[in-house]
Amino acid sequence: MNASTQRLTVAGPVGDLECALDHPTGLDPAARRGLALICHPHPQFGGTMDNKVVQTLARTFVSLGYSSLRFNFRGIGASAGAWDEGRGEIDDAVAALQAVRAEGQAVVVAGFSFGGYVASQVAARLTGGAAAQRVVLIAPAVVNFTVAPVPADTLVVHGELDDVVPLQATFDWARPQSLPVTVLPGAGHFFHGQLPVLKHIVASAWAAQAPANTLA
């Protein structure tokens, strides 16, 4: 499925946030499944909303009938503010979501590395009727940040040879939750050369488990 990308600016807690909203084209708006919020990796180590893993997730969700919302955390790109050690960045993600999400719209929360930590914390804040439909964490930064407990149907994908967030650390975080971890053999933290496989893993798991939602 093809996508159109809308560049926009929304109000954040400390100023404007730069965003990109990818929409599926050729799909009746009434048939769209909802909105996927995707959080990028560590902003102090080159992470942006245009990271290749983030873009892969965005394309994957578009192919599944979702609009995908990417954004730059404070101090990155055209987003105002400065690094807040992972605290204000959660507020940034919530603000971006609230600015774009339509009333009653189904939401998926996803993130890569540091973005996985942020995604878990955002999902924990979304309760009741605003709760996330599902959570997707790619190599979540469990060694440096407090990744929140997540729902049992959360999809966690990790590279076997990750030298930034060791696979064992993710196992240790997931074990008390009895949470399955999908391991991509031979993959490092950034999934170089493995992005098509990553897309297949996410799309296949999602298509098999996520309920269709007709809210635009």
Protein backbone atom coordinates (compact mmCIF):
# COMPACT_ATOMS: atom_id res chain seq x y z
CA MET A 1 0.00 0.00 0.00
CA ASN A 2 1.28 3.43 -0.93
CA ALA A 3 1.52 6.31 1.53
CA SER A 4 1.36 10.08 1.50
CA THR A 5 3.39 12.01 4.06
CA GLN A 6 2.11 15.16 5.74
CA ARG A 7 4.68 17.31 7.54
CA LEU A 8 3.22 19.26 10.43
CA THR A 9 4.04 21.07 13.65
CA VAL A 10 2.12 20.56 16.88
CA ALA A 11 2.31 22.23 20.26
CA GLY A 12 4.51 20.41 22.76
CA PRO A 13 5.13 20.94 26.48
CA VAL A 14 8.13 23.23 25.84
CA GLY A 15 7.40 24.44 22.32
CA ASP A 16 6.67 23.16 18.84
CA LEU A 17 7.21 19.51 17.92
CA GLU A 18 8.13 18.54 14.37
CA CYS A 19 6.00 15.64 13.10
CA ALA A 20 5.40 13.51 10.03
CA LEU A 21 2.07 11.80 9.48
CA ASP A 22 2.05 8.97 6.95
CA HIS A 23 -1.38 8.04 5.56
CA PRO A 24 -2.30 4.99 3.50
CA THR A 25 -3.46 6.05 0.04
CA GLY A 26 -6.14 4.32 -1.98
CA LEU A 27 -7.92 3.23 1.19
CA ASP A 28 -11.36 4.46 2.17
CA PRO A 29 -10.90 6.55 5.34
CA ALA A 30 -13.72 4.57 6.96
CA ALA A 31 -11.64 1.38 6.49
CA ARG A 32 -8.54 2.71 8.26
CA ARG A 33 -7.66 0.85 11.43
CA GLY A 34 -6.45 3.83 13.45
CA LEU A 35 -3.26 5.69 14.30
CA ALA A 36 0.20 4.28 15.09
CA LEU A 37 2.46 6.49 17.24
CA ILE A 38 6.13 5.63 16.65
CA CYS A 39 8.89 6.89 18.98
CA HIS A 40 12.46 7.25 17.72
CA PRO A 41 15.77 6.15 19.35
CA HIS A 42 17.99 8.12 21.72
CA PRO A 43 18.10 11.80 20.67
CA GLN A 44 21.61 12.29 22.04
CA PHE A 45 23.00 9.53 19.83
CA GLY A 46 21.60 10.56 16.48
CA GLY A 47 18.04 9.32 16.89
CA THR A 48 15.39 11.11 14.82
CA MET A 49 11.97 10.40 13.38
CA ASP A 50 13.71 9.55 10.09
CA ASN A 51 15.66 6.65 11.63
CA LYS A 52 15.45 3.61 9.33
CA VAL A 53 13.83 1.34 11.94
CA VAL A 54 11.25 4.04 12.70
CA GLN A 55 10.53 4.48 9.00
CA THR A 56 10.22 0.73 8.61
CA LEU A 57 7.65 0.63 11.39
CA ALA A 58 5.77 3.54 9.81
CA ARG A 59 5.62 1.78 6.44
CA THR A 60 4.56 -1.45 8.11
CA PHE A 61 1.62 0.13 9.88
CA VAL A 62 0.59 2.01 6.76
CA SER A 63 0.52 -1.32 4.92
CA LEU A 64 -1.80 -2.61 7.65
CA GLY A 65 -4.20 0.30 7.18
CA TYR A 66 -3.03 2.67 9.91
CA SER A 67 -1.88 6.26 9.71
CA SER A 68 1.62 6.49 11.24
CA LEU A 69 2.69 9.44 13.39
CA ARG A 70 6.44 10.06 13.72
CA PHE A 71 7.85 13.06 15.59
CA ASN A 72 11.13 14.52 16.78
CA PHE A 73 11.67 14.73 20.52
CA ARG A 74 12.48 18.13 22.03
CA GLY A 75 15.72 19.63 20.76
CA ILE A 76 15.86 17.43 17.65
CA GLY A 77 15.32 18.77 14.14
CA ALA A 78 12.80 21.59 14.26
CA SER A 79 11.42 20.57 17.67
CA ALA A 80 11.92 23.15 20.43
CA GLY A 81 13.51 22.49 23.79
CA ALA A 82 16.43 20.44 25.09
CA TRP A 83 17.13 16.89 26.28
CA ASP A 84 15.29 16.10 29.52
CA GLU A 85 16.87 12.73 30.39
CA GLY A 86 13.84 10.79 29.22
CA ARG A 87 11.25 12.49 31.39
CA GLY A 88 9.99 15.34 29.22
CA GLU A 89 10.34 13.12 26.17
CA ILE A 90 7.40 11.05 27.44
CA ASP A 91 5.40 14.27 27.68
CA ASP A 92 6.42 15.09 24.10
CA ALA A 93 5.06 11.77 22.86
CA VAL A 94 1.77 12.20 24.71
CA ALA A 95 1.41 15.76 23.36
CA ALA A 96 2.05 14.66 19.77
CA LEU A 97 -0.49 11.87 20.11
CA GLN A 98 -3.13 14.09 21.67
CA ALA A 99 -2.66 16.71 18.96
CA VAL A 100 -3.26 14.28 16.11
CA ARG A 101 -5.52 11.57 17.54
CA ALA A 102 -9.17 11.89 16.64
CA GLU A 103 -11.78 11.30 19.32
CA GLY A 104 -12.32 7.58 19.77
CA GLN A 105 -9.55 6.66 17.32
CA ALA A 106 -7.79 3.34 17.94
CA VAL A 107 -4.10 3.78 18.70
CA VAL A 108 -1.03 1.56 18.49
CA VAL A 109 2.03 2.73 20.46
CA ALA A 110 5.42 1.64 19.12
CA GLY A 111 9.05 2.54 19.65
CA PHE A 112 12.63 1.57 18.90
CA SER A 113 15.39 1.48 21.55
CA PHE A 114 14.99 4.65 23.69
CA GLY A 115 11.71 5.07 21.83
CA GLY A 116 10.66 1.68 23.16
CA TYR A 117 11.09 2.97 26.69
CA VAL A 118 9.03 6.06 25.86
CA ALA A 119 6.36 3.96 24.13
CA SER A 120 5.99 1.73 27.18
CA GLN A 121 5.54 4.75 29.44
CA VAL A 122 3.02 6.36 27.07
CA ALA A 123 1.03 3.13 26.93
CA ALA A 124 0.98 3.06 30.74
CA ARG A 125 -0.58 6.53 30.77
CA LEU A 126 -3.30 5.65 28.27
CA THR A 127 -6.13 4.13 30.26
CA GLY A 128 -9.82 3.42 29.93
CA GLY A 129 -11.32 4.26 26.57
CA ALA A 130 -8.07 5.96 25.52
CA ALA A 131 -5.95 2.84 26.10
CA ALA A 132 -3.59 1.65 23.39
CA GLN A 133 -4.97 -1.10 21.19
CA ARG A 134 -1.53 -2.70 21.15
CA VAL A 135 2.14 -1.98 21.94
CA VAL A 136 5.15 -2.80 19.75
CA LEU A 137 8.68 -2.51 21.18
CA ILE A 138 11.77 -2.98 19.04
CA ALA A 139 15.00 -3.52 21.04
CA PRO A 140 13.62 -1.53 24.00
CA ALA A 141 16.25 0.29 26.09
CA VAL A 142 15.79 -1.81 29.23
CA VAL A 143 19.38 -1.30 30.43
CA ASN A 144 19.36 2.49 30.80
CA PHE A 145 15.72 3.39 31.35
CA THR A 146 12.71 2.08 33.24
CA VAL A 147 10.68 0.33 30.58
CA ALA A 148 7.19 0.00 32.01
CA PRO A 149 5.32 -3.31 32.25
CA VAL A 150 3.25 -3.82 29.13
CA PRO A 151 0.12 -5.75 28.14
CA ALA A 152 0.41 -9.48 27.51
CA ASP A 153 -0.15 -9.10 23.75
CA THR A 154 2.74 -6.64 23.32
CA LEU A 155 5.07 -7.52 20.46
CA VAL A 156 8.74 -7.35 21.49
CA VAL A 157 11.41 -7.89 18.82
CA HIS A 158 15.12 -8.03 19.62
CA GLY A 159 18.27 -8.78 17.64
CA GLU A 160 20.30 -11.80 18.70
CA LEU A 161 23.60 -9.91 18.45
CA ASP A 162 22.48 -6.56 19.88
CA ASP A 163 25.57 -4.93 21.43
CA VAL A 164 23.71 -1.83 22.69
CA VAL A 165 20.90 -3.50 24.60
CA PRO A 166 21.95 -7.10 25.31
CA LEU A 167 19.34 -9.70 24.49
CA GLN A 168 19.69 -11.17 27.97
CA ALA A 169 18.67 -7.83 29.51
CA THR A 170 15.44 -7.88 27.54
CA PHE A 171 14.82 -11.48 28.61
CA ASP A 172 15.34 -10.42 32.23
CA TRP A 173 12.82 -7.59 31.83
CA ALA A 174 10.27 -9.75 30.01
CA ARG A 175 10.50 -12.86 32.22
CA PRO A 176 8.54 -11.54 35.26
CA GLN A 177 5.74 -10.57 32.86
CA SER A 178 5.76 -13.96 31.08
CA LEU A 179 6.14 -11.85 27.96
CA PRO A 180 7.34 -13.54 24.75
CA VAL A 181 10.32 -12.01 22.93
CA THR A 182 10.78 -12.56 19.20
CA VAL A 183 14.51 -12.93 18.47
CA LEU A 184 15.88 -12.11 15.03
CA PRO A 185 18.95 -14.34 14.53
CA GLY A 186 22.13 -12.55 13.51
CA ALA A 187 20.63 -9.07 13.91
CA GLY A 188 22.35 -6.23 15.76
CA HIS A 189 20.74 -3.28 17.49
CA PHE A 190 20.01 -1.36 14.29
CA PHE A 191 18.89 -4.39 12.25
CA HIS A 192 21.26 -3.58 9.38
CA GLY A 193 20.36 -5.70 6.39
CA GLN A 194 17.41 -7.13 8.31
CA LEU A 195 14.79 -4.41 7.96
CA PRO A 196 12.64 -6.37 5.47
CA VAL A 197 12.62 -9.28 7.91
CA LEU A 198 11.70 -6.96 10.77
CA LYS A 199 8.82 -5.58 8.71
CA HIS A 200 7.63 -9.10 7.99
CA ILE A 201 7.76 -10.07 11.68
CA VAL A 202 5.71 -7.05 12.75
CA ALA A 203 3.21 -7.28 9.90
CA SER A 204 2.69 -11.02 10.30
CA ALA A 205 2.23 -10.84 14.06
CA TRP A 206 -0.05 -7.87 13.77
CA ALA A 207 -2.19 -9.27 10.99
CA ALA A 208 -2.62 -12.49 12.97
CA GLN A 209 -3.50 -10.93 16.32
CA ALA A 210 -4.72 -7.34 16.07
CA PRO A 211 -8.48 -6.87 15.68
CA ALA A 212 -9.62 -4.77 12.76
CA ASN A 213 -10.89 -1.35 13.74
CA THR A 214 -12.89 0.78 11.37
CA LEU A 215 -12.45 4.08 13.19
CA ALA A 216 -10.70 6.57 10.93
